[in-house]
Amino acid sequence: MIISDFRHLNQTVSPAATELGEAWQRTLSRLGDYTAIVVRALNLRPQAATLYRQTERHVLVRLTLPTEHVVLRISPEDDLAAHVAFFRGMALEGIPGARIIQRDLSKAAVPFAYTLESFVAGQTADTLHDDHLLYSIARQAGRALRRLHRQGMPGAGRPTISGRWPRLSWRHVLLAIGQRLASPPIPQLIFQTEEVAILQAIVHNPLLDCATPVLIHGNFGPQAVRCTVGGQYVHLEALEEPGWFISGDGLFDVALGMCAHLPAAWREGLYEGYCSAGVLHDSERERLQMLRLLASAWSACDHYARGLPHEADLEEAQRLIRAITVADAKCLSAQ
């Protein structure tokens, strides 16, 4: 039976929910009304509609059509330009991911950008608790990530809604990422003064410059990997939920995926899978070391600000600071 009433999707938003911006409150409270407008505009004939998932930036509604499920991705604040560009780049490299069926970034019919995407079954890798399965899916994800990083991009950062790329350097993008994840005074609250100075020096290190940006995920980890499990086997179904920035140094994805708060089996499998297509050069290993330091430090700050456990990432960042400063001291003494 085809449905035409979507009011059950409208969410009750408490007036006390001050953490939600006006756009979010409006979208959630009228989610069913907006879904009905989109369904009519796309001439869909759904038999069911459910609130499938809500992420930090998007609301996902699953529509059940006569022959398949599809996902309506609604973005109250994000223009979805980077999201669309990411999935287009994944498709060019043949990397598994959702297929974008329709998109409207104009906000003409509804007050937000949206996409209609194919539905990907399975579970995210962060729900796996068996080390064997976690190691296996991480290896698969590492290989897919290496292929992703073969896709050259016209600029660093993210495109505008018109598809153009601002002339930003990768270093500017790194500074922006650091500002989003670890804005003052959070670093000063968990790191020593000299450690904060070293972090600031690292992010300005010319060795981190990236002359040829590539497609990156930008928020990589087991939560971004969808998989299916059958017995003792696990299969990669899709990479999903890219970050705000989708172009830059591919090794930043590896650094994010190796943060200390993630399980050891995942970190080991990811690195082995990524290097299975070819070992990293000395310069790449050095760059990865610095990016891991930044990723660990920023992750510690972000977790601390959100009231989540941050100690593992903090300790790893401090260990990497000591390792880098010792290496610099050895280089100076050798000169």
Protein backbone atom coordinates (compact mmCIF):
# COMPACT_ATOMS: atom_id res chain seq x y z
CA MET A 1 0.00 0.00 0.00
CA ILE A 2 1.43 3.36 -1.02
CA ILE A 3 1.51 5.96 1.74
CA SER A 4 0.95 9.69 1.32
CA ASP A 5 0.84 10.79 4.96
CA PHE A 6 4.28 11.25 6.54
CA ARG A 7 3.28 13.14 9.66
CA HIS A 8 4.53 10.28 11.84
CA LEU A 9 8.05 11.44 10.97
CA ASN A 10 7.53 14.84 12.61
CA GLN A 11 9.65 14.95 15.76
CA THR A 12 8.74 16.64 19.03
CA VAL A 13 11.54 19.06 19.80
CA SER A 14 11.73 20.31 23.36
CA PRO A 15 12.03 24.10 23.79
CA ALA A 16 14.88 23.32 26.17
CA ALA A 17 16.92 21.67 23.37
CA THR A 18 19.19 24.68 23.07
CA GLU A 19 21.99 22.56 21.56
CA LEU A 20 19.93 22.37 18.36
CA GLY A 21 20.07 25.33 16.02
CA GLU A 22 16.99 26.87 14.49
CA ALA A 23 17.46 24.98 11.21
CA TRP A 24 17.70 21.65 13.04
CA GLN A 25 14.65 22.34 15.17
CA ARG A 26 12.61 23.34 12.15
CA THR A 27 13.73 20.33 10.12
CA LEU A 28 13.03 17.77 12.85
CA SER A 29 9.67 19.22 13.89
CA ARG A 30 8.47 19.24 10.26
CA LEU A 31 10.40 16.21 9.00
CA GLY A 32 7.27 14.43 7.77
CA ASP A 33 5.95 17.54 6.01
CA TYR A 34 9.25 18.09 4.23
CA THR A 35 9.56 14.40 3.34
CA ALA A 36 6.12 14.57 1.68
CA ILE A 37 7.25 17.53 -0.45
CA VAL A 38 10.41 15.72 -1.58
CA VAL A 39 8.53 12.48 -2.30
CA ARG A 40 6.07 14.34 -4.51
CA ALA A 41 8.84 16.27 -6.26
CA LEU A 42 10.70 13.05 -7.09
CA ASN A 43 7.50 11.20 -8.01
CA LEU A 44 8.23 8.39 -5.57
CA ARG A 45 5.64 5.82 -4.44
CA PRO A 46 6.86 4.64 -1.02
CA GLN A 47 5.11 1.92 0.94
CA ALA A 48 6.75 2.93 4.22
CA ALA A 49 8.91 5.70 5.65
CA THR A 50 10.98 5.55 8.83
CA LEU A 51 13.52 7.77 10.55
CA TYR A 52 16.55 5.63 9.81
CA ARG A 53 19.39 7.51 11.47
CA GLN A 54 20.56 10.92 12.61
CA THR A 55 24.21 11.92 12.37
CA GLU A 56 25.96 15.05 13.58
CA ARG A 57 25.16 16.83 10.30
CA HIS A 58 22.38 14.91 8.56
CA VAL A 59 18.99 13.27 9.05
CA LEU A 60 18.37 10.02 7.16
CA VAL A 61 14.87 8.81 6.27
CA ARG A 62 14.50 5.33 4.80
CA LEU A 63 11.81 5.03 2.14
CA THR A 64 10.57 1.58 1.21
CA LEU A 65 9.74 1.44 -2.50
CA PRO A 66 8.06 -1.55 -4.20
CA THR A 67 11.43 -3.07 -5.21
CA GLU A 68 14.03 -1.52 -2.90
CA HIS A 69 14.87 0.73 0.02
CA VAL A 70 16.27 4.19 -0.62
CA VAL A 71 17.58 6.80 1.81
CA LEU A 72 16.58 10.44 1.82
CA ARG A 73 19.51 12.40 3.28
CA ILE A 74 18.47 15.77 4.67
CA SER A 75 21.02 18.37 5.68
CA PRO A 76 19.64 21.19 7.87
CA GLU A 77 22.89 23.21 7.67
CA ASP A 78 25.44 21.51 5.38
CA ASP A 79 25.10 22.31 1.65
CA LEU A 80 26.05 18.66 0.78
CA ALA A 81 28.45 19.82 -1.96
CA ALA A 82 31.37 17.95 -0.37
CA HIS A 83 29.19 14.89 0.27
CA VAL A 84 28.19 14.69 -3.39
CA ALA A 85 31.76 15.26 -4.60
CA PHE A 86 33.05 12.53 -2.29
CA PHE A 87 30.64 9.89 -3.57
CA ARG A 88 31.27 10.91 -7.15
CA GLY A 89 35.00 10.39 -6.61
CA MET A 90 34.42 7.03 -4.92
CA ALA A 91 32.36 5.86 -7.88
CA LEU A 92 35.13 6.84 -10.30
CA GLU A 93 37.56 4.61 -8.38
CA GLY A 94 35.05 1.75 -8.03
CA ILE A 95 35.06 1.93 -4.24
CA PRO A 96 31.92 0.54 -2.58
CA GLY A 97 29.55 3.19 -1.32
CA ALA A 98 26.01 4.42 -1.59
CA ARG A 99 24.87 5.51 -5.05
CA ILE A 100 23.40 8.99 -5.29
CA ILE A 101 20.17 8.67 -7.27
CA GLN A 102 18.94 12.26 -7.08
CA ARG A 103 20.16 15.46 -5.47
CA ASP A 104 18.91 18.99 -4.97
CA LEU A 105 21.29 21.44 -3.34
CA SER A 106 19.33 24.53 -4.37
CA LYS A 107 16.97 24.71 -1.35
CA ALA A 108 14.24 25.79 -3.78
CA ALA A 109 11.44 23.40 -2.74
CA VAL A 110 12.48 22.82 0.87
CA PRO A 111 14.78 24.89 3.13
CA PHE A 112 17.68 22.43 2.99
CA ALA A 113 19.84 20.47 0.58
CA TYR A 114 19.03 16.79 0.14
CA THR A 115 20.08 13.67 -1.73
CA LEU A 116 18.30 10.43 -2.51
CA GLU A 117 20.71 7.51 -2.14
CA SER A 118 20.71 3.75 -2.48
CA PHE A 119 20.31 1.89 0.80
CA VAL A 120 23.37 0.00 2.05
CA ALA A 121 22.63 -2.87 4.40
CA GLY A 122 24.85 -4.05 7.24
CA GLN A 123 26.40 -2.61 10.37
CA THR A 124 29.22 -0.21 11.06
CA ALA A 125 32.59 -1.67 12.01
CA ASP A 126 32.56 0.06 15.40
CA THR A 127 29.84 -2.41 16.47
CA LEU A 128 32.18 -5.39 15.98
CA HIS A 129 33.73 -6.80 19.13
CA ASP A 130 35.57 -9.83 17.73
CA ASP A 131 39.24 -8.92 17.11
CA HIS A 132 39.46 -11.31 14.15
CA LEU A 133 36.53 -9.64 12.40
CA LEU A 134 37.71 -6.15 13.30
CA TYR A 135 41.20 -6.84 11.95
CA SER A 136 39.77 -8.31 8.75
CA ILE A 137 37.41 -5.43 8.00
CA ALA A 138 40.15 -2.92 8.82
CA ARG A 139 42.44 -4.56 6.24
CA GLN A 140 39.68 -4.33 3.65
CA ALA A 141 39.04 -0.71 4.59
CA GLY A 142 42.75 0.09 4.37
CA ARG A 143 42.93 -1.29 0.84
CA ALA A 144 39.84 0.69 -0.16
CA LEU A 145 41.34 3.82 1.40
CA ARG A 146 44.53 3.42 -0.62
CA ARG A 147 42.44 3.25 -3.81
CA LEU A 148 40.46 6.29 -2.69
CA HIS A 149 43.68 8.27 -2.40
CA ARG A 150 44.49 7.69 -6.07
CA GLN A 151 41.74 10.14 -7.03
CA GLY A 152 43.35 13.54 -7.65
CA MET A 153 41.36 16.64 -6.71
CA PRO A 154 41.39 20.18 -8.12
CA GLY A 155 41.97 21.77 -4.73
CA ALA A 156 42.29 21.16 -1.01
CA GLY A 157 39.40 21.36 1.43
CA ARG A 158 35.87 21.19 0.04
CA PRO A 159 34.05 22.54 -3.02
CA THR A 160 31.51 25.34 -3.02
CA ILE A 161 27.88 24.60 -3.83
CA SER A 162 28.61 25.59 -7.45
CA GLY A 163 31.29 22.90 -7.65
CA ARG A 164 34.25 25.28 -7.66
CA TRP A 165 37.24 24.77 -5.41
CA PRO A 166 38.66 27.66 -3.36
CA ARG A 167 42.41 28.19 -3.67
CA LEU A 168 43.35 26.85 -0.26
CA SER A 169 46.56 25.07 0.66
CA TRP A 170 46.50 21.84 2.62
CA ARG A 171 48.13 23.69 5.50
CA HIS A 172 45.18 26.11 5.63
CA VAL A 173 42.84 23.12 5.70
CA LEU A 174 44.81 21.50 8.52
CA LEU A 175 44.57 24.72 10.53
CA ALA A 176 40.81 24.77 9.91
CA ILE A 177 40.48 21.15 11.05
CA GLY A 178 42.43 21.95 14.19
CA GLN A 179 40.18 24.93 14.86
CA ARG A 180 37.06 22.79 14.49
CA LEU A 181 38.29 19.97 16.74
CA ALA A 182 40.59 21.73 19.19
CA SER A 183 39.76 25.39 19.44
CA PRO A 184 41.23 27.29 22.42
CA PRO A 185 41.20 27.01 25.35
CA ILE A 186 40.77 23.20 25.17
CA PRO A 187 44.42 22.39 24.21
CA GLN A 188 45.69 24.56 27.06
CA LEU A 189 43.49 22.62 29.50
CA ILE A 190 44.91 19.17 28.78
CA PHE A 191 48.42 19.83 27.41
CA GLN A 192 51.43 21.55 28.95
CA THR A 193 52.40 24.96 27.56
CA GLU A 194 55.47 23.58 25.79
CA GLU A 195 53.40 20.75 24.29
CA VAL A 196 50.90 23.24 22.84
CA ALA A 197 53.81 25.15 21.31
CA ILE A 198 55.13 21.97 19.69
CA LEU A 199 51.69 21.17 18.26
CA GLN A 200 51.50 24.66 16.76
CA ALA A 201 54.95 24.23 15.27
CA ILE A 202 54.08 20.85 13.78
CA VAL A 203 50.99 22.10 11.96
CA HIS A 204 53.17 24.80 10.32
CA ASN A 205 55.94 22.37 9.37
CA PRO A 206 56.69 22.61 5.61
CA LEU A 207 57.04 18.80 5.52
CA LEU A 208 53.25 18.60 5.82
CA ASP A 209 52.69 20.58 2.62
CA CYS A 210 50.69 18.68 0.01
CA ALA A 211 51.25 19.92 -3.55
CA THR A 212 48.83 17.42 -5.11
CA PRO A 213 45.65 16.98 -3.04
CA VAL A 214 43.71 13.73 -3.32
CA LEU A 215 40.25 12.60 -2.33
CA ILE A 216 40.12 11.89 1.40
CA HIS A 217 37.40 10.76 3.75
CA GLY A 218 38.20 13.37 6.37
CA ASN A 219 36.51 11.60 9.30
CA PHE A 220 37.82 8.09 8.94
CA GLY A 221 37.40 5.35 11.52
CA PRO A 222 35.39 2.17 12.09
CA GLN A 223 32.20 4.26 12.37
CA ALA A 224 32.63 5.16 8.67
CA VAL A 225 32.86 1.56 7.44
CA ARG A 226 29.68 -0.43 6.77
CA CYS A 227 30.00 -4.20 6.61
CA THR A 228 28.10 -7.47 6.75
CA VAL A 229 29.10 -10.44 8.89
CA GLY A 230 28.60 -14.11 8.16
CA GLY A 231 30.10 -16.49 10.70
CA GLN A 232 33.83 -15.81 10.85
CA TYR A 233 33.84 -13.70 7.70
CA VAL A 234 33.17 -10.01 7.25
CA HIS A 235 32.66 -8.11 4.01
CA LEU A 236 33.11 -4.41 3.29
CA GLU A 237 29.86 -2.96 1.98
CA ALA A 238 30.61 0.76 1.86
CA LEU A 239 32.58 3.72 3.09
CA GLU A 240 30.17 6.36 4.35
CA GLU A 241 29.72 9.63 6.24
CA PRO A 242 32.70 11.66 4.95
CA GLY A 243 33.94 14.59 6.98
CA TRP A 244 33.61 18.31 6.36
CA PHE A 245 36.83 18.42 4.29
CA ILE A 246 37.27 15.81 1.55
CA SER A 247 40.50 16.77 -0.20
CA GLY A 248 44.07 16.93 1.01
CA ASP A 249 46.78 14.50 2.15
CA GLY A 250 45.53 10.91 2.12
CA LEU A 251 47.78 10.02 5.04
CA PHE A 252 45.57 12.16 7.25
CA ASP A 253 42.84 9.52 6.88
CA VAL A 254 45.32 6.86 8.03
CA ALA A 255 46.32 9.04 10.99
CA LEU A 256 42.68 9.48 12.02
CA GLY A 257 42.06 5.75 11.70
CA MET A 258 45.02 4.96 13.95
CA CYS A 259 44.06 7.11 16.95
CA ALA A 260 44.79 5.37 20.23
CA HIS A 261 41.18 5.26 21.44
CA LEU A 262 40.40 2.82 18.61
CA PRO A 263 40.90 -0.96 19.14
CA ALA A 264 44.40 -2.31 18.47
CA ALA A 265 43.06 -4.94 16.04
CA TRP A 266 41.48 -2.18 13.93
CA ARG A 267 44.63 -0.03 13.91
CA GLU A 268 46.88 -2.95 12.99
CA GLY A 269 44.59 -4.17 10.21
CA LEU A 270 44.11 -0.69 8.77
CA TYR A 271 47.84 0.00 8.47
CA GLU A 272 48.59 -3.44 7.00
CA GLY A 273 45.75 -3.11 4.50
CA TYR A 274 46.83 0.36 3.46
CA CYS A 275 50.42 -0.73 2.94
CA SER A 276 49.50 -3.97 1.15
CA ALA A 277 49.59 -2.14 -2.19
CA GLY A 278 53.07 -0.80 -1.46
CA VAL A 279 55.10 0.20 1.57
CA LEU A 280 55.30 3.85 2.54
CA HIS A 281 58.41 5.80 1.62
CA ASP A 282 60.58 7.34 4.35
CA SER A 283 59.11 10.80 3.71
CA GLU A 284 55.58 9.37 3.92
CA ARG A 285 56.33 7.62 7.20
CA GLU A 286 57.73 10.86 8.62
CA ARG A 287 54.65 12.76 7.46
CA LEU A 288 52.36 10.12 8.88
CA GLN A 289 54.10 10.40 12.24
CA MET A 290 53.39 14.13 12.39
CA LEU A 291 49.81 13.72 11.18
CA ARG A 292 49.23 11.02 13.80
CA LEU A 293 50.43 13.46 16.43
CA LEU A 294 47.97 16.10 15.25
CA ALA A 295 45.12 13.61 14.89
CA SER A 296 45.71 12.20 18.38
CA ALA A 297 45.97 15.65 19.97
CA TRP A 298 42.86 16.97 18.22
CA SER A 299 40.93 13.80 19.01
CA ALA A 300 41.88 14.15 22.68
CA CYS A 301 40.67 17.76 22.68
CA ASP A 302 37.44 16.91 20.88
CA HIS A 303 36.66 14.02 23.23
CA TYR A 304 37.49 16.16 26.27
CA ALA A 305 35.18 18.95 25.09
CA ARG A 306 32.33 16.47 24.61
CA GLY A 307 32.85 14.77 27.96
CA LEU A 308 34.13 11.53 26.42
CA PRO A 309 37.20 9.49 27.47
CA HIS A 310 40.25 11.26 26.07
CA GLU A 311 43.13 9.80 28.06
CA ALA A 312 44.31 7.26 25.45
CA ASP A 313 44.63 9.86 22.71
CA LEU A 314 46.23 12.34 25.10
CA GLU A 315 48.89 9.82 26.15
CA GLU A 316 49.56 8.86 22.52
CA ALA A 317 49.94 12.51 21.51
CA GLN A 318 52.38 13.11 24.36
CA ARG A 319 54.34 9.99 23.39
CA LEU A 320 54.57 11.19 19.78
CA ILE A 321 55.66 14.65 20.95
CA ARG A 322 58.52 13.07 22.89
CA ALA A 323 59.47 10.87 19.93
CA ILE A 324 59.52 13.80 17.51
CA THR A 325 61.48 16.11 19.82
CA VAL A 326 64.04 13.35 20.50
CA ALA A 327 64.41 12.78 16.74
CA ASP A 328 64.92 16.52 16.18
CA ALA A 329 67.55 16.62 18.92
CA LYS A 330 69.42 13.73 17.28
CA CYS A 331 69.36 15.49 13.92
CA LEU A 332 70.80 18.66 15.46
CA SER A 333 73.52 16.75 17.26
CA ALA A 334 74.45 14.93 14.04
CA GLN A 335 74.95 18.30 12.32
